Amino acid sequence: MADKERIESDEMKIFRILDNHMTLPRKSKQIFSNLEKGFKGELMFDQITEGLDSNKFLILNDLLLETNSTNFQIDSFIISQGTHFPCEVKNFEGDYYYKSD
């Protein structure tokens, strides 16, 4: 089980409110759409990782970290004995193929 549940960002909440009350400019509509897709992708990733054994894995979501006065976010960080997996979740559309070589 994950350390904390995901919540929508303040930016996404603001876009949602604005979208319900006005016609967003095209660029703002695209930003809002990308935020929604990203959040949905993170939720799907959470469903996949729910199956991991909680006695063997610790999952930390939405980590906001700072280094050299620069903030950055890690979508999910999976920790197991001896191995750490920083996970940046993307939710792109289209067909993707992976080759083993």
Protein backbone atom coordinates (compact mmCIF):
# COMPACT_ATOMS: atom_id res chain seq x y z
CA MET A 1 0.00 0.00 0.00
CA ALA A 2 1.18 3.51 -0.78
CA ASP A 3 2.38 5.86 1.93
CA LYS A 4 -0.17 8.51 0.94
CA GLU A 5 -3.08 8.77 -1.43
CA ARG A 6 -2.86 11.05 -4.41
CA ILE A 7 -4.77 14.28 -4.54
CA GLU A 8 -5.29 16.65 -7.43
CA SER A 9 -2.84 19.53 -7.56
CA ASP A 10 -4.03 23.02 -6.71
CA GLU A 11 -3.28 23.99 -10.31
CA MET A 12 -5.62 21.28 -11.62
CA LYS A 13 -8.36 22.30 -9.16
CA ILE A 14 -8.11 25.93 -10.30
CA PHE A 15 -8.27 24.93 -13.98
CA ARG A 16 -11.33 22.76 -13.25
CA ILE A 17 -13.14 25.65 -11.56
CA LEU A 18 -12.26 28.05 -14.37
CA ASP A 19 -13.26 25.50 -17.01
CA ASN A 20 -16.69 25.16 -15.38
CA HIS A 21 -17.24 28.92 -15.42
CA MET A 22 -15.73 30.07 -18.69
CA THR A 23 -14.32 28.98 -22.01
CA LEU A 24 -10.62 28.49 -21.43
CA PRO A 25 -8.18 29.76 -24.04
CA ARG A 26 -6.77 26.96 -26.21
CA LYS A 27 -3.37 26.94 -24.50
CA SER A 28 -4.95 26.80 -21.02
CA LYS A 29 -7.32 24.04 -22.16
CA GLN A 30 -4.30 22.01 -23.36
CA ILE A 31 -2.46 22.51 -20.05
CA PHE A 32 -5.57 21.43 -18.14
CA SER A 33 -5.99 18.38 -20.38
CA ASN A 34 -2.35 17.38 -19.83
CA LEU A 35 -2.72 17.77 -16.06
CA GLU A 36 -5.83 15.56 -16.08
CA LYS A 37 -4.17 12.90 -18.24
CA GLY A 38 -1.10 12.89 -16.00
CA PHE A 39 -3.19 12.52 -12.86
CA LYS A 40 -5.21 9.67 -14.40
CA GLY A 41 -1.94 7.96 -15.38
CA GLU A 42 -0.67 8.25 -11.82
CA LEU A 43 -3.91 6.73 -10.50
CA MET A 44 -3.55 3.82 -12.96
CA PHE A 45 0.05 3.33 -11.82
CA ASP A 46 -1.17 3.25 -8.21
CA GLN A 47 -3.62 0.47 -9.10
CA ILE A 48 -0.81 -1.55 -10.66
CA THR A 49 1.51 -1.10 -7.68
CA GLU A 50 -1.23 -1.95 -5.16
CA GLY A 51 -0.47 -5.59 -5.93
CA LEU A 52 3.07 -5.32 -4.57
CA ASP A 53 3.71 -7.06 -1.25
CA SER A 54 3.61 -4.32 1.42
CA ASN A 55 6.04 -6.37 3.54
CA LYS A 56 8.65 -6.10 0.76
CA PHE A 57 7.95 -2.70 -0.77
CA LEU A 58 7.37 0.80 0.55
CA ILE A 59 5.72 3.15 -1.96
CA LEU A 60 5.96 6.92 -1.49
CA ASN A 61 3.79 9.04 -3.79
CA ASP A 62 4.08 12.67 -4.86
CA LEU A 63 7.39 13.48 -3.21
CA LEU A 64 8.27 17.15 -3.40
CA LEU A 65 11.99 17.57 -2.86
CA GLU A 66 14.46 20.42 -3.00
CA THR A 67 18.11 20.54 -3.92
CA ASN A 68 20.23 23.64 -4.56
CA SER A 69 17.13 25.85 -4.15
CA THR A 70 15.34 23.92 -6.92
CA ASN A 71 12.13 22.01 -6.24
CA PHE A 72 11.32 18.80 -8.05
CA GLN A 73 8.65 16.15 -7.75
CA ILE A 74 8.85 12.37 -7.98
CA ASP A 75 5.54 10.72 -8.89
CA SER A 76 6.27 7.48 -7.02
CA PHE A 77 9.31 6.16 -5.22
CA ILE A 78 9.33 2.42 -4.58
CA ILE A 79 11.75 1.16 -1.96
CA SER A 80 12.69 -2.45 -1.39
CA GLN A 81 15.59 -3.99 0.44
CA GLY A 82 18.70 -2.90 -1.45
CA THR A 83 16.86 -1.36 -4.41
CA HIS A 84 15.12 1.96 -4.96
CA PHE A 85 12.90 2.77 -7.94
CA PRO A 86 12.11 6.42 -8.69
CA CYS A 87 9.09 6.36 -11.03
CA GLU A 88 8.08 9.21 -13.30
CA VAL A 89 4.64 8.35 -14.67
CA LYS A 90 3.64 9.44 -18.18
CA ASN A 91 0.24 8.96 -19.75
CA PHE A 92 0.87 9.42 -23.46
CA GLU A 93 -1.59 8.41 -26.15
CA GLY A 94 -0.67 6.24 -29.10
CA ASP A 95 0.92 2.90 -29.84
CA TYR A 96 4.35 2.16 -28.39
CA TYR A 97 6.48 -0.88 -29.06
CA TYR A 98 9.39 -2.10 -27.01
CA LYS A 99 12.13 -4.33 -28.37
CA SER A 100 14.27 -6.46 -26.11
CA ASP A 101 17.44 -5.48 -27.98
